[in-house]
Amino acid sequence: MSGSQKITMYLRSYDSASLARAVSSIVETASRSGAKVSGPIPFPKRVRKFTVLRSPFANKEARDQFEIDSYCRLVILEIPEQFSSTVIEALKLLDLGSNVDVQIKAG
């Protein structure tokens, strides 16, 4: 494994369709550039629920509930040493959208 570089990409979004488009473009670009792709590995949907009082003064029983869903995927790239510069340049040129958060860990 000394002749290859491993990159772990953790993608997160509140919109599942935009996350799927971003993951498919990353996988397609990386595999076309010569990297070995593992994933995308889906994580469970994270649901955050908020309960607020409907009335500002009285009536404690009247409440509203809101929830935010977040979706996560993990993509692992194993890049051979001879393709590392081309794969990284191709990934830099990708436009994933503003609502997809990407965390990259190389190692």
PDB file of N, CA and C in Angstrom:
ATOM      1  N   MET A   1       0.815  -1.184   0.000  1.00  0.00           N
ATOM      2  CA  MET A   1       0.000   0.000   0.000  1.00  0.00           C
ATOM      3  C   MET A   1       0.863   1.253   0.000  1.00  0.00           C
ATOM      4  N   SER A   2       2.198   1.094  -0.063  1.00  0.00           N
ATOM      5  CA  SER A   2       3.060   2.261  -0.084  1.00  0.00           C
ATOM      6  C   SER A   2       2.977   2.992  -1.412  1.00  0.00           C
ATOM      7  N   GLY A   3       2.511   2.307  -2.476  1.00  0.00           N
ATOM      8  CA  GLY A   3       2.401   2.936  -3.777  1.00  0.00           C
ATOM      9  C   GLY A   3       1.064   3.594  -4.022  1.00  0.00           C
ATOM     10  N   SER A   4       0.237   3.728  -2.996  1.00  0.00           N
ATOM     11  CA  SER A   4      -1.072   4.347  -3.195  1.00  0.00           C
ATOM     12  C   SER A   4      -1.406   5.274  -2.035  1.00  0.00           C
ATOM     13  N   GLN A   5      -2.306   6.194  -2.315  1.00  0.00           N
ATOM     14  CA  GLN A   5      -2.755   7.166  -1.327  1.00  0.00           C
ATOM     15  C   GLN A   5      -4.231   6.930  -1.056  1.00  0.00           C
ATOM     16  N   LYS A   6      -4.622   6.992   0.217  1.00  0.00           N
ATOM     17  CA  LYS A   6      -6.009   6.747   0.600  1.00  0.00           C
ATOM     18  C   LYS A   6      -6.648   8.061   1.034  1.00  0.00           C
ATOM     19  N   ILE A   7      -7.787   8.383   0.423  1.00  0.00           N
ATOM     20  CA  ILE A   7      -8.525   9.602   0.746  1.00  0.00           C
ATOM     21  C   ILE A   7      -9.932   9.206   1.179  1.00  0.00           C
ATOM     22  N   THR A   8     -10.352   9.692   2.335  1.00  0.00           N
ATOM     23  CA  THR A   8     -11.690   9.438   2.852  1.00  0.00           C
ATOM     24  C   THR A   8     -12.502  10.723   2.735  1.00  0.00           C
ATOM     25  N   MET A   9     -13.651  10.628   2.062  1.00  0.00           N
ATOM     26  CA  MET A   9     -14.521  11.787   1.880  1.00  0.00           C
ATOM     27  C   MET A   9     -15.843  11.524   2.591  1.00  0.00           C
ATOM     28  N   TYR A  10     -16.235  12.449   3.461  1.00  0.00           N
ATOM     29  CA  TYR A  10     -17.477  12.363   4.220  1.00  0.00           C
ATOM     30  C   TYR A  10     -18.378  13.483   3.727  1.00  0.00           C
ATOM     31  N   LEU A  11     -19.486  13.121   3.087  1.00  0.00           N
ATOM     32  CA  LEU A  11     -20.397  14.101   2.498  1.00  0.00           C
ATOM     33  C   LEU A  11     -21.675  14.165   3.314  1.00  0.00           C
ATOM     34  N   ARG A  12     -22.168  15.389   3.550  1.00  0.00           N
ATOM     35  CA  ARG A  12     -23.367  15.583   4.357  1.00  0.00           C
ATOM     36  C   ARG A  12     -24.245  16.648   3.706  1.00  0.00           C
ATOM     37  N   SER A  13     -25.566  16.432   3.738  1.00  0.00           N
ATOM     38  CA  SER A  13     -26.494  17.396   3.155  1.00  0.00           C
ATOM     39  C   SER A  13     -27.865  17.235   3.794  1.00  0.00           C
ATOM     40  N   TYR A  14     -28.672  18.292   3.683  1.00  0.00           N
ATOM     41  CA  TYR A  14     -30.056  18.238   4.137  1.00  0.00           C
ATOM     42  C   TYR A  14     -30.990  17.785   3.018  1.00  0.00           C
ATOM     43  N   ASP A  15     -30.478  17.703   1.792  1.00  0.00           N
ATOM     44  CA  ASP A  15     -31.264  17.309   0.629  1.00  0.00           C
ATOM     45  C   ASP A  15     -30.678  16.020   0.063  1.00  0.00           C
ATOM     46  N   SER A  16     -31.461  14.954   0.053  1.00  0.00           N
ATOM     47  CA  SER A  16     -30.944  13.654  -0.380  1.00  0.00           C
ATOM     48  C   SER A  16     -30.666  13.614  -1.878  1.00  0.00           C
ATOM     49  N   ALA A  17     -31.429  14.336  -2.676  1.00  0.00           N
ATOM     50  CA  ALA A  17     -31.214  14.323  -4.131  1.00  0.00           C
ATOM     51  C   ALA A  17     -29.904  15.007  -4.509  1.00  0.00           C
ATOM     52  N   SER A  18     -29.607  16.141  -3.909  1.00  0.00           N
ATOM     53  CA  SER A  18     -28.350  16.827  -4.215  1.00  0.00           C
ATOM     54  C   SER A  18     -27.156  16.036  -3.694  1.00  0.00           C
ATOM     55  N   LEU A  19     -27.328  15.340  -2.574  1.00  0.00           N
ATOM     56  CA  LEU A  19     -26.260  14.488  -2.064  1.00  0.00           C
ATOM     57  C   LEU A  19     -26.000  13.324  -3.012  1.00  0.00           C
ATOM     58  N   ALA A  20     -27.049  12.729  -3.543  1.00  0.00           N
ATOM     59  CA  ALA A  20     -26.882  11.623  -4.490  1.00  0.00           C
ATOM     60  C   ALA A  20     -26.189  12.089  -5.765  1.00  0.00           C
ATOM     61  N   ARG A  21     -26.534  13.288  -6.261  1.00  0.00           N
ATOM     62  CA  ARG A  21     -25.862  13.825  -7.448  1.00  0.00           C
ATOM     63  C   ARG A  21     -24.385  14.076  -7.182  1.00  0.00           C
ATOM     64  N   ALA A  22     -24.063  14.622  -6.008  1.00  0.00           N
ATOM     65  CA  ALA A  22     -22.671  14.910  -5.673  1.00  0.00           C
ATOM     66  C   ALA A  22     -21.857  13.629  -5.551  1.00  0.00           C
ATOM     67  N   VAL A  23     -22.428  12.619  -4.890  1.00  0.00           N
ATOM     68  CA  VAL A  23     -21.719  11.347  -4.719  1.00  0.00           C
ATOM     69  C   VAL A  23     -21.496  10.676  -6.066  1.00  0.00           C
ATOM     70  N   SER A  24     -22.509  10.677  -6.927  1.00  0.00           N
ATOM     71  CA  SER A  24     -22.344  10.025  -8.228  1.00  0.00           C
ATOM     72  C   SER A  24     -21.308  10.742  -9.083  1.00  0.00           C
ATOM     73  N   SER A  25     -21.245  12.069  -9.014  1.00  0.00           N
ATOM     74  CA  SER A  25     -20.230  12.781  -9.789  1.00  0.00           C
ATOM     75  C   SER A  25     -18.829  12.530  -9.249  1.00  0.00           C
ATOM     76  N   ILE A  26     -18.679  12.415  -7.920  1.00  0.00           N
ATOM     77  CA  ILE A  26     -17.369  12.107  -7.336  1.00  0.00           C
ATOM     78  C   ILE A  26     -16.927  10.707  -7.739  1.00  0.00           C
ATOM     79  N   VAL A  27     -17.824   9.735  -7.625  1.00  0.00           N
ATOM     80  CA  VAL A  27     -17.483   8.350  -7.956  1.00  0.00           C
ATOM     81  C   VAL A  27     -17.143   8.227  -9.439  1.00  0.00           C
ATOM     82  N   GLU A  28     -17.918   8.863 -10.291  1.00  0.00           N
ATOM     83  CA  GLU A  28     -17.671   8.786 -11.733  1.00  0.00           C
ATOM     84  C   GLU A  28     -16.340   9.433 -12.104  1.00  0.00           C
ATOM     85  N   THR A  29     -16.056  10.610 -11.547  1.00  0.00           N
ATOM     86  CA  THR A  29     -14.822  11.320 -11.860  1.00  0.00           C
ATOM     87  C   THR A  29     -13.603  10.567 -11.345  1.00  0.00           C
ATOM     88  N   ALA A  30     -13.684  10.045 -10.132  1.00  0.00           N
ATOM     89  CA  ALA A  30     -12.539   9.345  -9.555  1.00  0.00           C
ATOM     90  C   ALA A  30     -12.256   8.039 -10.285  1.00  0.00           C
ATOM     91  N   SER A  31     -13.291   7.292 -10.618  1.00  0.00           N
ATOM     92  CA  SER A  31     -13.059   6.023 -11.313  1.00  0.00           C
ATOM     93  C   SER A  31     -12.579   6.260 -12.741  1.00  0.00           C
ATOM     94  N   ARG A  32     -13.043   7.321 -13.387  1.00  0.00           N
ATOM     95  CA  ARG A  32     -12.582   7.661 -14.734  1.00  0.00           C
ATOM     96  C   ARG A  32     -11.118   8.107 -14.719  1.00  0.00           C
ATOM     97  N   SER A  33     -10.665   8.709 -13.605  1.00  0.00           N
ATOM     98  CA  SER A  33      -9.293   9.202 -13.506  1.00  0.00           C
ATOM     99  C   SER A  33      -8.305   8.135 -13.067  1.00  0.00           C
ATOM    100  N   GLY A  34      -8.789   6.957 -12.687  1.00  0.00           N
ATOM    101  CA  GLY A  34      -7.877   5.871 -12.350  1.00  0.00           C
ATOM    102  C   GLY A  34      -7.824   5.497 -10.887  1.00  0.00           C
ATOM    103  N   ALA A  35      -8.729   5.988 -10.065  1.00  0.00           N
ATOM    104  CA  ALA A  35      -8.742   5.654  -8.639  1.00  0.00           C
ATOM    105  C   ALA A  35      -9.667   4.474  -8.390  1.00  0.00           C
ATOM    106  N   LYS A  36      -9.362   3.722  -7.341  1.00  0.00           N
ATOM    107  CA  LYS A  36     -10.243   2.640  -6.903  1.00  0.00           C
ATOM    108  C   LYS A  36     -11.206   3.235  -5.876  1.00  0.00           C
ATOM    109  N   VAL A  37     -12.505   3.079  -6.124  1.00  0.00           N
ATOM    110  CA  VAL A  37     -13.531   3.717  -5.293  1.00  0.00           C
ATOM    111  C   VAL A  37     -14.225   2.665  -4.441  1.00  0.00           C
ATOM    112  N   SER A  38     -14.297   2.920  -3.134  1.00  0.00           N
ATOM    113  CA  SER A  38     -15.084   2.094  -2.220  1.00  0.00           C
ATOM    114  C   SER A  38     -16.247   2.940  -1.728  1.00  0.00           C
ATOM    115  N   GLY A  39     -17.437   2.449  -1.933  1.00  0.00           N
ATOM    116  CA  GLY A  39     -18.604   3.197  -1.495  1.00  0.00           C
ATOM    117  C   GLY A  39     -19.429   3.621  -2.675  1.00  0.00           C
ATOM    118  N   PRO A  40     -20.369   4.473  -2.480  1.00  0.00           N
ATOM    119  CA  PRO A  40     -20.688   5.248  -1.292  1.00  0.00           C
ATOM    120  C   PRO A  40     -21.350   4.405  -0.206  1.00  0.00           C
ATOM    121  N   ILE A  41     -20.930   4.634   1.006  1.00  0.00           N
ATOM    122  CA  ILE A  41     -21.474   3.927   2.161  1.00  0.00           C
ATOM    123  C   ILE A  41     -22.494   4.857   2.826  1.00  0.00           C
ATOM    124  N   PRO A  42     -23.773   4.487   2.835  1.00  0.00           N
ATOM    125  CA  PRO A  42     -24.775   5.370   3.443  1.00  0.00           C
ATOM    126  C   PRO A  42     -24.801   5.222   4.963  1.00  0.00           C
ATOM    127  N   PHE A  43     -24.954   6.346   5.635  1.00  0.00           N
ATOM    128  CA  PHE A  43     -25.147   6.357   7.076  1.00  0.00           C
ATOM    129  C   PHE A  43     -26.633   6.538   7.358  1.00  0.00           C
ATOM    130  N   PRO A  44     -27.086   6.192   8.541  1.00  0.00           N
ATOM    131  CA  PRO A  44     -28.506   6.397   8.860  1.00  0.00           C
ATOM    132  C   PRO A  44     -28.875   7.882   8.816  1.00  0.00           C
ATOM    133  N   LYS A  45     -30.117   8.125   8.451  1.00  0.00           N
ATOM    134  CA  LYS A  45     -30.623   9.495   8.393  1.00  0.00           C
ATOM    135  C   LYS A  45     -30.693  10.043   9.817  1.00  0.00           C
ATOM    136  N   ARG A  46     -30.167  11.246  10.005  1.00  0.00           N
ATOM    137  CA  ARG A  46     -30.196  11.870  11.324  1.00  0.00           C
ATOM    138  C   ARG A  46     -31.366  12.843  11.363  1.00  0.00           C
ATOM    139  N   VAL A  47     -32.243  12.659  12.328  1.00  0.00           N
ATOM    140  CA  VAL A  47     -33.432  13.500  12.462  1.00  0.00           C
ATOM    141  C   VAL A  47     -33.295  14.314  13.746  1.00  0.00           C
ATOM    142  N   ARG A  48     -33.308  15.632  13.604  1.00  0.00           N
ATOM    143  CA  ARG A  48     -33.284  16.522  14.768  1.00  0.00           C
ATOM    144  C   ARG A  48     -34.663  17.142  14.896  1.00  0.00           C
ATOM    145  N   LYS A  49     -35.292  16.957  16.059  1.00  0.00           N
ATOM    146  CA  LYS A  49     -36.644  17.468  16.292  1.00  0.00           C
ATOM    147  C   LYS A  49     -36.589  18.619  17.288  1.00  0.00           C
ATOM    148  N   PHE A  50     -37.387  19.636  16.992  1.00  0.00           N
ATOM    149  CA  PHE A  50     -37.494  20.804  17.853  1.00  0.00           C
ATOM    150  C   PHE A  50     -38.957  21.001  18.215  1.00  0.00           C
ATOM    151  N   THR A  51     -39.226  21.222  19.488  1.00  0.00           N
ATOM    152  CA  THR A  51     -40.580  21.500  19.955  1.00  0.00           C
ATOM    153  C   THR A  51     -40.601  22.912  20.523  1.00  0.00           C
ATOM    154  N   VAL A  52     -41.528  23.716  20.033  1.00  0.00           N
ATOM    155  CA  VAL A  52     -41.650  25.094  20.503  1.00  0.00           C
ATOM    156  C   VAL A  52     -43.088  25.339  20.941  1.00  0.00           C
ATOM    157  N   LEU A  53     -43.243  26.248  21.890  1.00  0.00           N
ATOM    158  CA  LEU A  53     -44.577  26.633  22.329  1.00  0.00           C
ATOM    159  C   LEU A  53     -45.234  27.494  21.258  1.00  0.00           C
ATOM    160  N   ARG A  54     -46.472  27.200  20.969  1.00  0.00           N
ATOM    161  CA  ARG A  54     -47.198  27.942  19.937  1.00  0.00           C
ATOM    162  C   ARG A  54     -47.605  29.326  20.458  1.00  0.00           C
ATOM    163  N   SER A  55     -47.941  29.408  21.725  1.00  0.00           N
ATOM    164  CA  SER A  55     -48.388  30.658  22.329  1.00  0.00           C
ATOM    165  C   SER A  55     -47.234  31.282  23.117  1.00  0.00           C
ATOM    166  N   PRO A  56     -47.051  32.588  23.034  1.00  0.00           N
ATOM    167  CA  PRO A  56     -45.942  33.199  23.763  1.00  0.00           C
ATOM    168  C   PRO A  56     -46.199  33.366  25.259  1.00  0.00           C
ATOM    169  N   PHE A  57     -47.471  33.295  25.696  1.00  0.00           N
ATOM    170  CA  PHE A  57     -47.750  33.579  27.098  1.00  0.00           C
ATOM    171  C   PHE A  57     -48.364  32.384  27.816  1.00  0.00           C
ATOM    172  N   ALA A  58     -49.551  31.989  27.450  1.00  0.00           N
ATOM    173  CA  ALA A  58     -50.253  30.927  28.176  1.00  0.00           C
ATOM    174  C   ALA A  58     -50.450  29.731  27.248  1.00  0.00           C
ATOM    175  N   ASN A  59     -51.275  28.784  27.706  1.00  0.00           N
ATOM    176  CA  ASN A  59     -51.631  27.602  26.920  1.00  0.00           C
ATOM    177  C   ASN A  59     -50.407  26.729  26.629  1.00  0.00           C
ATOM    178  N   LYS A  60     -49.933  26.076  27.676  1.00  0.00           N
ATOM    179  CA  LYS A  60     -48.729  25.248  27.592  1.00  0.00           C
ATOM    180  C   LYS A  60     -48.914  24.030  26.689  1.00  0.00           C
ATOM    181  N   GLU A  61     -50.155  23.554  26.504  1.00  0.00           N
ATOM    182  CA  GLU A  61     -50.381  22.341  25.717  1.00  0.00           C
ATOM    183  C   GLU A  61     -50.247  22.576  24.212  1.00  0.00           C
ATOM    184  N   ALA A  62     -50.377  23.807  23.764  1.00  0.00           N
ATOM    185  CA  ALA A  62     -50.301  24.094  22.329  1.00  0.00           C
ATOM    186  C   ALA A  62     -48.836  24.205  21.914  1.00  0.00           C
ATOM    187  N   ARG A  63     -48.362  23.211  21.170  1.00  0.00           N
ATOM    188  CA  ARG A  63     -46.960  23.176  20.756  1.00  0.00           C
ATOM    189  C   ARG A  63     -46.857  22.809  19.283  1.00  0.00           C
ATOM    190  N   ASP A  64     -45.785  23.243  18.678  1.00  0.00           N
ATOM    191  CA  ASP A  64     -45.466  22.865  17.300  1.00  0.00           C
ATOM    192  C   ASP A  64     -44.174  22.063  17.309  1.00  0.00           C
ATOM    193  N   GLN A  65     -44.079  21.091  16.404  1.00  0.00           N
ATOM    194  CA  GLN A  65     -42.852  20.314  16.266  1.00  0.00           C
ATOM    195  C   GLN A  65     -42.301  20.506  14.865  1.00  0.00           C
ATOM    196  N   PHE A  66     -40.992  20.722  14.806  1.00  0.00           N
ATOM    197  CA  PHE A  66     -40.283  20.853  13.544  1.00  0.00           C
ATOM    198  C   PHE A  66     -39.147  19.843  13.550  1.00  0.00           C
ATOM    199  N   GLU A  67     -38.771  19.376  12.366  1.00  0.00           N
ATOM    200  CA  GLU A  67     -37.652  18.444  12.300  1.00  0.00           C
ATOM    201  C   GLU A  67     -36.781  18.758  11.094  1.00  0.00           C
ATOM    202  N   ILE A  68     -35.495  18.472  11.257  1.00  0.00           N
ATOM    203  CA  ILE A  68     -34.512  18.640  10.193  1.00  0.00           C
ATOM    204  C   ILE A  68     -33.865  17.283   9.962  1.00  0.00           C
ATOM    205  N   ASP A  69     -33.909  16.808   8.710  1.00  0.00           N
ATOM    206  CA  ASP A  69     -33.277  15.544   8.351  1.00  0.00           C
ATOM    207  C   ASP A  69     -31.927  15.849   7.714  1.00  0.00           C
ATOM    208  N   SER A  70     -30.898  15.087   8.087  1.00  0.00           N
ATOM    209  CA  SER A  70     -29.606  15.221   7.420  1.00  0.00           C
ATOM    210  C   SER A  70     -29.154  13.847   6.955  1.00  0.00           C
ATOM    211  N   TYR A  71     -28.575  13.821   5.765  1.00  0.00           N
ATOM    212  CA  TYR A  71     -28.151  12.586   5.111  1.00  0.00           C
ATOM    213  C   TYR A  71     -26.634  12.604   4.973  1.00  0.00           C
ATOM    214  N   CYS A  72     -26.003  11.434   5.137  1.00  0.00           N
ATOM    215  CA  CYS A  72     -24.551  11.341   5.090  1.00  0.00           C
ATOM    216  C   CYS A  72     -24.122  10.160   4.233  1.00  0.00           C
ATOM    217  N   ARG A  73     -23.003  10.328   3.535  1.00  0.00           N
ATOM    218  CA  ARG A  73     -22.395   9.261   2.746  1.00  0.00           C
ATOM    219  C   ARG A  73     -20.893   9.299   2.967  1.00  0.00           C
ATOM    220  N   LEU A  74     -20.266   8.127   2.865  1.00  0.00           N
ATOM    221  CA  LEU A  74     -18.824   7.991   2.997  1.00  0.00           C
ATOM    222  C   LEU A  74     -18.286   7.397   1.706  1.00  0.00           C
ATOM    223  N   VAL A  75     -17.280   8.039   1.124  1.00  0.00           N
ATOM    224  CA  VAL A  75     -16.628   7.554  -0.088  1.00  0.00           C
ATOM    225  C   VAL A  75     -15.142   7.450   0.211  1.00  0.00           C
ATOM    226  N   ILE A  76     -14.561   6.279  -0.066  1.00  0.00           N
ATOM    227  CA  ILE A  76     -13.140   6.050   0.162  1.00  0.00           C
ATOM    228  C   ILE A  76     -12.472   5.858  -1.193  1.00  0.00           C
ATOM    229  N   LEU A  77     -11.444   6.659  -1.459  1.00  0.00           N
ATOM    230  CA  LEU A  77     -10.703   6.583  -2.708  1.00  0.00           C
ATOM    231  C   LEU A  77      -9.307   6.051  -2.428  1.00  0.00           C
ATOM    232  N   GLU A  78      -8.888   5.073  -3.196  1.00  0.00           N
ATOM    233  CA  GLU A  78      -7.522   4.573  -3.121  1.00  0.00           C
ATOM    234  C   GLU A  78      -6.866   4.903  -4.452  1.00  0.00           C
ATOM    235  N   ILE A  79      -5.929   5.848  -4.407  1.00  0.00           N
ATOM    236  CA  ILE A  79      -5.348   6.397  -5.625  1.00  0.00           C
ATOM    237  C   ILE A  79      -3.932   5.860  -5.794  1.00  0.00           C
ATOM    238  N   PRO A  80      -3.648   5.185  -6.911  1.00  0.00           N
ATOM    239  CA  PRO A  80      -2.266   4.778  -7.187  1.00  0.00           C
ATOM    240  C   PRO A  80      -1.372   6.008  -7.364  1.00  0.00           C
ATOM    241  N   GLU A  81      -0.095   5.843  -7.054  1.00  0.00           N
ATOM    242  CA  GLU A  81       0.840   6.968  -7.056  1.00  0.00           C
ATOM    243  C   GLU A  81       0.946   7.648  -8.423  1.00  0.00           C
ATOM    244  N   GLN A  82       0.853   6.884  -9.514  1.00  0.00           N
ATOM    245  CA  GLN A  82       1.016   7.491 -10.841  1.00  0.00           C
ATOM    246  C   GLN A  82      -0.198   8.312 -11.257  1.00  0.00           C
ATOM    247  N   PHE A  83      -1.372   8.095 -10.641  1.00  0.00           N
ATOM    248  CA  PHE A  83      -2.582   8.838 -10.994  1.00  0.00           C
ATOM    249  C   PHE A  83      -2.958   9.896  -9.962  1.00  0.00           C
ATOM    250  N   SER A  84      -2.162  10.085  -8.926  1.00  0.00           N
ATOM    251  CA  SER A  84      -2.592  10.943  -7.816  1.00  0.00           C
ATOM    252  C   SER A  84      -2.826  12.386  -8.249  1.00  0.00           C
ATOM    253  N   SER A  85      -1.954  12.942  -9.060  1.00  0.00           N
ATOM    254  CA  SER A  85      -2.131  14.349  -9.455  1.00  0.00           C
ATOM    255  C   SER A  85      -3.341  14.527 -10.365  1.00  0.00           C
ATOM    256  N   THR A  86      -3.595  13.579 -11.275  1.00  0.00           N
ATOM    257  CA  THR A  86      -4.738  13.724 -12.182  1.00  0.00           C
ATOM    258  C   THR A  86      -6.063  13.560 -11.442  1.00  0.00           C
ATOM    259  N   VAL A  87      -6.120  12.636 -10.489  1.00  0.00           N
ATOM    260  CA  VAL A  87      -7.358  12.429  -9.728  1.00  0.00           C
ATOM    261  C   VAL A  87      -7.665  13.642  -8.859  1.00  0.00           C
ATOM    262  N   ILE A  88      -6.660  14.172  -8.190  1.00  0.00           N
ATOM    263  CA  ILE A  88      -6.874  15.321  -7.305  1.00  0.00           C
ATOM    264  C   ILE A  88      -7.272  16.554  -8.113  1.00  0.00           C
ATOM    265  N   GLU A  89      -6.652  16.764  -9.265  1.00  0.00           N
ATOM    266  CA  GLU A  89      -7.034  17.898 -10.117  1.00  0.00           C
ATOM    267  C   GLU A  89      -8.460  17.746 -10.643  1.00  0.00           C
ATOM    268  N   ALA A  90      -8.843  16.524 -11.009  1.00  0.00           N
ATOM    269  CA  ALA A  90     -10.207  16.294 -11.498  1.00  0.00           C
ATOM    270  C   ALA A  90     -11.233  16.519 -10.395  1.00  0.00           C
ATOM    271  N   LEU A  91     -10.902  16.123  -9.161  1.00  0.00           N
ATOM    272  CA  LEU A  91     -11.826  16.333  -8.042  1.00  0.00           C
ATOM    273  C   LEU A  91     -11.930  17.807  -7.662  1.00  0.00           C
ATOM    274  N   LYS A  92     -10.850  18.566  -7.846  1.00  0.00           N
ATOM    275  CA  LYS A  92     -10.895  19.997  -7.543  1.00  0.00           C
ATOM    276  C   LYS A  92     -11.827  20.746  -8.491  1.00  0.00           C
ATOM    277  N   LEU A  93     -11.943  20.267  -9.724  1.00  0.00           N
ATOM    278  CA  LEU A  93     -12.762  20.950 -10.723  1.00  0.00           C
ATOM    279  C   LEU A  93     -14.251  20.659 -10.593  1.00  0.00           C
ATOM    280  N   LEU A  94     -14.634  19.721  -9.730  1.00  0.00           N
ATOM    281  CA  LEU A  94     -16.045  19.364  -9.578  1.00  0.00           C
ATOM    282  C   LEU A  94     -16.822  20.475  -8.882  1.00  0.00           C
ATOM    283  N   ASP A  95     -18.050  20.693  -9.335  1.00  0.00           N
ATOM    284  CA  ASP A  95     -18.969  21.621  -8.677  1.00  0.00           C
ATOM    285  C   ASP A  95     -20.063  20.784  -8.021  1.00  0.00           C
ATOM    286  N   LEU A  96     -20.004  20.644  -6.703  1.00  0.00           N
ATOM    287  CA  LEU A  96     -20.923  19.767  -5.980  1.00  0.00           C
ATOM    288  C   LEU A  96     -22.183  20.472  -5.507  1.00  0.00           C
ATOM    289  N   GLY A  97     -22.227  21.762  -5.589  1.00  0.00           N
ATOM    290  CA  GLY A  97     -23.389  22.492  -5.100  1.00  0.00           C
ATOM    291  C   GLY A  97     -23.107  23.089  -3.735  1.00  0.00           C
ATOM    292  N   SER A  98     -23.880  24.092  -3.398  1.00  0.00           N
ATOM    293  CA  SER A  98     -23.630  24.801  -2.148  1.00  0.00           C
ATOM    294  C   SER A  98     -24.243  24.110  -0.938  1.00  0.00           C
ATOM    295  N   ASN A  99     -25.160  23.184  -1.152  1.00  0.00           N
ATOM    296  CA  ASN A  99     -25.824  22.558  -0.009  1.00  0.00           C
ATOM    297  C   ASN A  99     -25.240  21.197   0.343  1.00  0.00           C
ATOM    298  N   VAL A 100     -24.058  20.861  -0.172  1.00  0.00           N
ATOM    299  CA  VAL A 100     -23.380  19.615   0.177  1.00  0.00           C
ATOM    300  C   VAL A 100     -22.090  19.975   0.898  1.00  0.00           C
ATOM    301  N   ASP A 101     -21.934  19.470   2.111  1.00  0.00           N
ATOM    302  CA  ASP A 101     -20.740  19.708   2.913  1.00  0.00           C
ATOM    303  C   ASP A 101     -19.804  18.522   2.739  1.00  0.00           C
ATOM    304  N   VAL A 102     -18.540  18.793   2.414  1.00  0.00           N
ATOM    305  CA  VAL A 102     -17.562  17.733   2.172  1.00  0.00           C
ATOM    306  C   VAL A 102     -16.422  17.889   3.162  1.00  0.00           C
ATOM    307  N   GLN A 103     -16.104  16.802   3.861  1.00  0.00           N
ATOM    308  CA  GLN A 103     -14.935  16.753   4.729  1.00  0.00           C
ATOM    309  C   GLN A 103     -13.987  15.715   4.149  1.00  0.00           C
ATOM    310  N   ILE A 104     -12.722  16.092   3.957  1.00  0.00           N
ATOM    311  CA  ILE A 104     -11.745  15.217   3.330  1.00  0.00           C
ATOM    312  C   ILE A 104     -10.649  14.907   4.333  1.00  0.00           C
ATOM    313  N   LYS A 105     -10.317  13.625   4.418  1.00  0.00           N
ATOM    314  CA  LYS A 105      -9.249  13.182   5.306  1.00  0.00           C
ATOM    315  C   LYS A 105      -8.302  12.318   4.478  1.00  0.00           C
ATOM    316  N   ALA A 106      -7.055  12.724   4.369  1.00  0.00           N
ATOM    317  CA  ALA A 106      -6.063  11.963   3.613  1.00  0.00           C
ATOM    318  C   ALA A 106      -5.174  11.224   4.605  1.00  0.00           C
ATOM    319  N   GLY A 107      -4.834  10.008   4.234  1.00  0.00           N
ATOM    320  CA  GLY A 107      -3.973   9.281   5.161  1.00  0.00           C
ATOM    321  C   GLY A 107      -3.746   7.885   4.816  1.00  0.00           C
TER     322      GLY A 107
END
